[in-house]
Amino acid sequence: MQQPITGFHVDDEGHWVAQLACGHNQHVRHDPPWQNRPWTQSAQGRNGVLGQPLNCVKCDQGAPRDRP
């Protein structure tokens, strides 16, 4: 299910995590060539995708909201 990105935070390992409107979190790693998300590397890039939809697998699975 597509959910808008509402914010970002960094996990304990230093990876960027997108916070979604549904209350779920999803890693958005930039790890070329497997995952190509250069926009995660700058505040301007991350701000540029706020509000953009991201597929939330947790919603598809009916998972409860993640902890803040």
C-alpha atoms as a PDB file:
ATOM      1  CA  MET A   1       0.000   0.000   0.000  1.00  0.00           C
ATOM      2  CA  GLN A   2       1.356   3.419  -0.920  1.00  0.00           C
ATOM      3  CA  GLN A   3       1.882   5.772   2.035  1.00  0.00           C
ATOM      4  CA  PRO A   4       3.306   9.311   2.038  1.00  0.00           C
ATOM      5  CA  ILE A   5       6.693   9.978   3.643  1.00  0.00           C
ATOM      6  CA  THR A   6       6.271  12.321   6.620  1.00  0.00           C
ATOM      7  CA  GLY A   7       9.819  12.462   7.968  1.00  0.00           C
ATOM      8  CA  PHE A   8      13.134  10.720   8.498  1.00  0.00           C
ATOM      9  CA  HIS A   9      15.380   9.544  11.286  1.00  0.00           C
ATOM     10  CA  VAL A  10      18.644   7.629  11.560  1.00  0.00           C
ATOM     11  CA  ASP A  11      18.706   4.159  13.150  1.00  0.00           C
ATOM     12  CA  ASP A  12      21.325   2.881  15.600  1.00  0.00           C
ATOM     13  CA  GLU A  13      23.542   1.745  12.702  1.00  0.00           C
ATOM     14  CA  GLY A  14      23.476   5.116  10.917  1.00  0.00           C
ATOM     15  CA  HIS A  15      20.976   4.138   8.192  1.00  0.00           C
ATOM     16  CA  TRP A  16      18.189   6.499   7.110  1.00  0.00           C
ATOM     17  CA  VAL A  17      14.651   5.420   7.930  1.00  0.00           C
ATOM     18  CA  ALA A  18      11.536   6.959   6.378  1.00  0.00           C
ATOM     19  CA  GLN A  19       8.607   7.660   8.675  1.00  0.00           C
ATOM     20  CA  LEU A  20       5.311   7.044   6.881  1.00  0.00           C
ATOM     21  CA  ALA A  21       1.873   8.585   7.434  1.00  0.00           C
ATOM     22  CA  CYS A  22       0.504   5.168   8.438  1.00  0.00           C
ATOM     23  CA  GLY A  23       2.817   5.032  11.470  1.00  0.00           C
ATOM     24  CA  HIS A  24       5.267   2.541   9.998  1.00  0.00           C
ATOM     25  CA  ASN A  25       8.996   3.073   9.445  1.00  0.00           C
ATOM     26  CA  GLN A  26      10.968   1.819   6.453  1.00  0.00           C
ATOM     27  CA  HIS A  27      14.700   1.830   5.758  1.00  0.00           C
ATOM     28  CA  VAL A  28      15.685   3.846   2.688  1.00  0.00           C
ATOM     29  CA  ARG A  29      19.311   2.846   2.283  1.00  0.00           C
ATOM     30  CA  HIS A  30      21.576   4.093  -0.481  1.00  0.00           C
ATOM     31  CA  ASP A  31      23.667   0.993  -1.244  1.00  0.00           C
ATOM     32  CA  PRO A  32      24.528   0.955  -4.964  1.00  0.00           C
ATOM     33  CA  PRO A  33      24.145  -1.020  -7.113  1.00  0.00           C
ATOM     34  CA  TRP A  34      21.445  -2.849  -5.123  1.00  0.00           C
ATOM     35  CA  GLN A  35      19.595   0.174  -3.770  1.00  0.00           C
ATOM     36  CA  ASN A  36      20.060   3.481  -5.530  1.00  0.00           C
ATOM     37  CA  ARG A  37      18.659   6.294  -3.382  1.00  0.00           C
ATOM     38  CA  PRO A  38      21.169   9.164  -3.597  1.00  0.00           C
ATOM     39  CA  TRP A  39      18.503  11.567  -2.315  1.00  0.00           C
ATOM     40  CA  THR A  40      18.975  10.067   1.177  1.00  0.00           C
ATOM     41  CA  GLN A  41      22.476  11.532   1.382  1.00  0.00           C
ATOM     42  CA  SER A  42      21.497  15.179   1.888  1.00  0.00           C
ATOM     43  CA  ALA A  43      18.911  17.112   3.870  1.00  0.00           C
ATOM     44  CA  GLN A  44      17.817  18.798   0.637  1.00  0.00           C
ATOM     45  CA  GLY A  45      17.285  15.413  -1.035  1.00  0.00           C
ATOM     46  CA  ARG A  46      15.301  14.018   1.880  1.00  0.00           C
ATOM     47  CA  ASN A  47      13.178  17.177   2.143  1.00  0.00           C
ATOM     48  CA  GLY A  48      12.495  16.908  -1.590  1.00  0.00           C
ATOM     49  CA  VAL A  49      10.713  13.567  -1.179  1.00  0.00           C
ATOM     50  CA  LEU A  50       8.545  14.478   1.818  1.00  0.00           C
ATOM     51  CA  GLY A  51       4.952  13.702   0.891  1.00  0.00           C
ATOM     52  CA  GLN A  52       5.985  11.303  -1.871  1.00  0.00           C
ATOM     53  CA  PRO A  53       4.435   7.818  -1.690  1.00  0.00           C
ATOM     54  CA  LEU A  54       6.456   4.801  -0.660  1.00  0.00           C
ATOM     55  CA  ASN A  55       5.177   1.228  -0.780  1.00  0.00           C
ATOM     56  CA  CYS A  56       4.528   0.071   2.796  1.00  0.00           C
ATOM     57  CA  VAL A  57       4.844  -3.697   3.048  1.00  0.00           C
ATOM     58  CA  LYS A  58       3.895  -3.532   6.727  1.00  0.00           C
ATOM     59  CA  CYS A  59       0.481  -2.068   5.784  1.00  0.00           C
ATOM     60  CA  ASP A  60       0.017  -4.856   3.239  1.00  0.00           C
ATOM     61  CA  GLN A  61       0.736  -7.354   6.029  1.00  0.00           C
ATOM     62  CA  GLY A  62      -1.607  -5.643   8.519  1.00  0.00           C
ATOM     63  CA  ALA A  63       1.249  -4.977  10.956  1.00  0.00           C
ATOM     64  CA  PRO A  64       0.714  -2.672  13.955  1.00  0.00           C
ATOM     65  CA  ARG A  65       2.234   0.819  13.953  1.00  0.00           C
ATOM     66  CA  ASP A  66       5.932   1.065  14.767  1.00  0.00           C
ATOM     67  CA  ARG A  67       7.089   2.634  17.989  1.00  0.00           C
ATOM     68  CA  PRO A  68       8.089   6.285  17.710  1.00  0.00           C
END
